[in-house]
Amino acid sequence: MRWSASITPKGCFFCEVAAAMDHVFDGPGGWPIEKGWWRKNPVDFEEQVKRYCPGCSGAVPLKKESDKAEYDLVSESNMVKLEALKSPKVLKGACRLYSKKHTTEELKVLTDGWKPQDYRSFVAHKPEDYMNSDKSC
């Protein structure tokens, strides 16, 4: 099994998106930061999955947005939360509502050859990589 664990000042999380959502939405934090915490089994992180996975689009086969997109796609439930928090990105119009409901047939088509990590046509590991590409915003 593969997972993308993350540690924040509020604890350990099974996923970096869950960690970020916990931070942004002032969640209860993760597991204590202690030796071997990452050896947990899937059953151990069910609480985090139930809390954060429903609000994440990482497993939704969205069509790739333009590399030059200056906005994020946001679900209705997350948009409400971000508006309540007066998110700077929401306030400057850098978030667009995504409310499309997909049928099973649409999902079959969208997942054919889909790679969630392939959301832009170039690789960037730091801001300089993005800014030096021909795709910068």
Protein backbone atom coordinates (compact mmCIF):
# COMPACT_ATOMS: atom_id res chain seq x y z
CA MET A 1 0.00 0.00 0.00
CA ARG A 2 1.22 3.51 -0.79
CA TRP A 3 0.26 6.68 0.99
CA SER A 4 1.56 10.21 1.14
CA ALA A 5 1.98 10.90 4.82
CA SER A 6 2.48 14.38 6.23
CA ILE A 7 3.51 15.94 9.53
CA THR A 8 2.36 19.38 10.63
CA PRO A 9 2.68 21.25 13.92
CA LYS A 10 -0.76 19.75 14.71
CA GLY A 11 0.33 16.15 14.27
CA CYS A 12 0.72 13.32 11.77
CA PHE A 13 -1.65 12.59 8.90
CA PHE A 14 -2.04 9.72 6.44
CA CYS A 15 -2.24 12.22 3.56
CA GLU A 16 -0.83 15.66 2.79
CA VAL A 17 -4.25 16.88 1.60
CA ALA A 18 -5.85 15.78 4.88
CA ALA A 19 -3.07 17.62 6.74
CA ALA A 20 -3.66 20.79 4.70
CA MET A 21 -7.44 20.60 5.17
CA ASP A 22 -6.98 20.13 8.91
CA HIS A 23 -4.82 23.26 8.98
CA VAL A 24 -7.04 25.44 6.77
CA PHE A 25 -10.32 24.40 8.37
CA ASP A 26 -8.92 24.34 11.94
CA GLY A 27 -9.45 20.63 12.46
CA PRO A 28 -8.64 18.63 15.57
CA GLY A 29 -5.12 17.73 14.43
CA GLY A 30 -3.51 14.41 13.66
CA TRP A 31 -1.84 11.61 15.55
CA PRO A 32 0.89 12.45 18.05
CA ILE A 33 4.31 12.91 16.49
CA GLU A 34 6.16 9.89 17.81
CA LYS A 35 8.60 7.26 16.61
CA GLY A 36 7.00 4.74 14.24
CA TRP A 37 3.71 6.65 13.83
CA TRP A 38 3.83 5.98 10.10
CA ARG A 39 3.57 2.23 10.63
CA LYS A 40 -0.15 2.48 11.23
CA ASN A 41 -2.61 0.31 9.32
CA PRO A 42 -5.51 1.59 7.20
CA VAL A 43 -7.97 0.89 10.02
CA ASP A 44 -5.96 3.30 12.20
CA PHE A 45 -6.63 6.25 9.91
CA GLU A 46 -10.35 5.66 9.29
CA GLU A 47 -11.24 8.72 11.39
CA GLN A 48 -9.06 10.98 9.24
CA VAL A 49 -10.45 9.38 6.06
CA LYS A 50 -14.04 10.00 7.17
CA ARG A 51 -13.24 13.59 8.13
CA TYR A 52 -11.21 14.70 5.09
CA CYS A 53 -11.64 12.41 2.08
CA PRO A 54 -15.23 13.52 1.32
CA GLY A 55 -13.93 17.08 0.86
CA CYS A 56 -10.99 16.13 -1.38
CA SER A 57 -11.05 15.88 -5.16
CA GLY A 58 -7.82 13.94 -5.50
CA ALA A 59 -9.69 10.81 -6.58
CA VAL A 60 -12.05 12.63 -8.96
CA PRO A 61 -10.96 12.28 -12.59
CA LEU A 62 -11.30 15.93 -13.51
CA LYS A 63 -10.26 17.08 -16.94
CA LYS A 64 -6.92 18.86 -16.90
CA GLU A 65 -7.27 22.61 -16.57
CA SER A 66 -5.02 24.91 -18.54
CA ASP A 67 -1.45 25.18 -17.25
CA LYS A 68 -2.11 28.92 -17.20
CA ALA A 69 -5.25 28.66 -15.05
CA GLU A 70 -5.11 31.31 -12.37
CA TYR A 71 -7.80 29.68 -10.27
CA ASP A 72 -8.56 26.54 -8.29
CA LEU A 73 -11.67 24.41 -8.76
CA VAL A 74 -13.56 24.16 -5.46
CA SER A 75 -16.57 22.09 -4.39
CA GLU A 76 -19.68 23.77 -3.01
CA SER A 77 -19.03 22.56 0.54
CA ASN A 78 -15.41 23.74 0.52
CA MET A 79 -16.37 27.06 -1.10
CA VAL A 80 -18.79 27.77 1.76
CA LYS A 81 -16.06 27.03 4.30
CA LEU A 82 -13.47 29.13 2.44
CA GLU A 83 -15.89 32.06 2.11
CA ALA A 84 -16.59 31.91 5.85
CA LEU A 85 -12.84 32.02 6.49
CA LYS A 86 -12.48 34.97 4.07
CA SER A 87 -9.92 33.05 2.05
CA PRO A 88 -7.64 35.45 0.13
CA LYS A 89 -7.96 33.28 -3.00
CA VAL A 90 -11.76 33.34 -2.80
CA LEU A 91 -11.78 37.10 -2.16
CA LYS A 92 -9.65 37.79 -5.25
CA GLY A 93 -11.78 35.48 -7.42
CA ALA A 94 -9.11 32.79 -7.77
CA CYS A 95 -11.54 29.95 -6.96
CA ARG A 96 -14.20 28.58 -9.28
CA LEU A 97 -17.10 26.47 -8.15
CA TYR A 98 -17.12 22.90 -9.44
CA SER A 99 -20.53 21.31 -8.96
CA LYS A 100 -20.74 18.80 -11.81
CA LYS A 101 -22.22 15.45 -10.83
CA HIS A 102 -20.78 12.65 -12.94
CA THR A 103 -22.60 9.52 -14.09
CA THR A 104 -20.96 6.12 -13.86
CA GLU A 105 -20.52 6.11 -17.64
CA GLU A 106 -18.83 9.54 -17.60
CA LEU A 107 -16.47 8.34 -14.86
CA LYS A 108 -15.52 5.29 -16.92
CA VAL A 109 -14.58 7.56 -19.83
CA LEU A 110 -12.76 10.08 -17.64
CA THR A 111 -10.70 7.43 -15.84
CA ASP A 112 -9.44 5.82 -19.04
CA GLY A 113 -5.72 6.70 -18.99
CA TRP A 114 -6.24 9.18 -16.14
CA LYS A 115 -3.26 9.90 -13.89
CA PRO A 116 -4.12 12.18 -10.94
CA GLN A 117 -0.51 13.34 -10.67
CA ASP A 118 -0.53 14.54 -14.28
CA TYR A 119 -2.35 17.83 -13.73
CA ARG A 120 0.05 20.00 -15.73
CA SER A 121 2.34 19.48 -18.70
CA PHE A 122 5.60 20.25 -16.88
CA VAL A 123 7.30 19.18 -13.65
CA ALA A 124 7.75 21.68 -10.84
CA HIS A 125 9.25 21.02 -7.44
CA LYS A 126 9.78 24.61 -6.35
CA PRO A 127 8.43 28.05 -7.38
CA GLU A 128 11.40 28.73 -9.64
CA ASP A 129 10.55 25.66 -11.75
CA TYR A 130 7.04 26.95 -12.30
CA MET A 131 8.06 30.53 -12.95
CA ASN A 132 10.78 29.47 -15.42
CA SER A 133 8.42 27.31 -17.45
CA ASP A 134 6.60 28.70 -20.44
CA LYS A 135 3.40 27.98 -18.52
CA SER A 136 3.70 30.52 -15.68
CA CYS A 137 0.61 32.47 -14.67
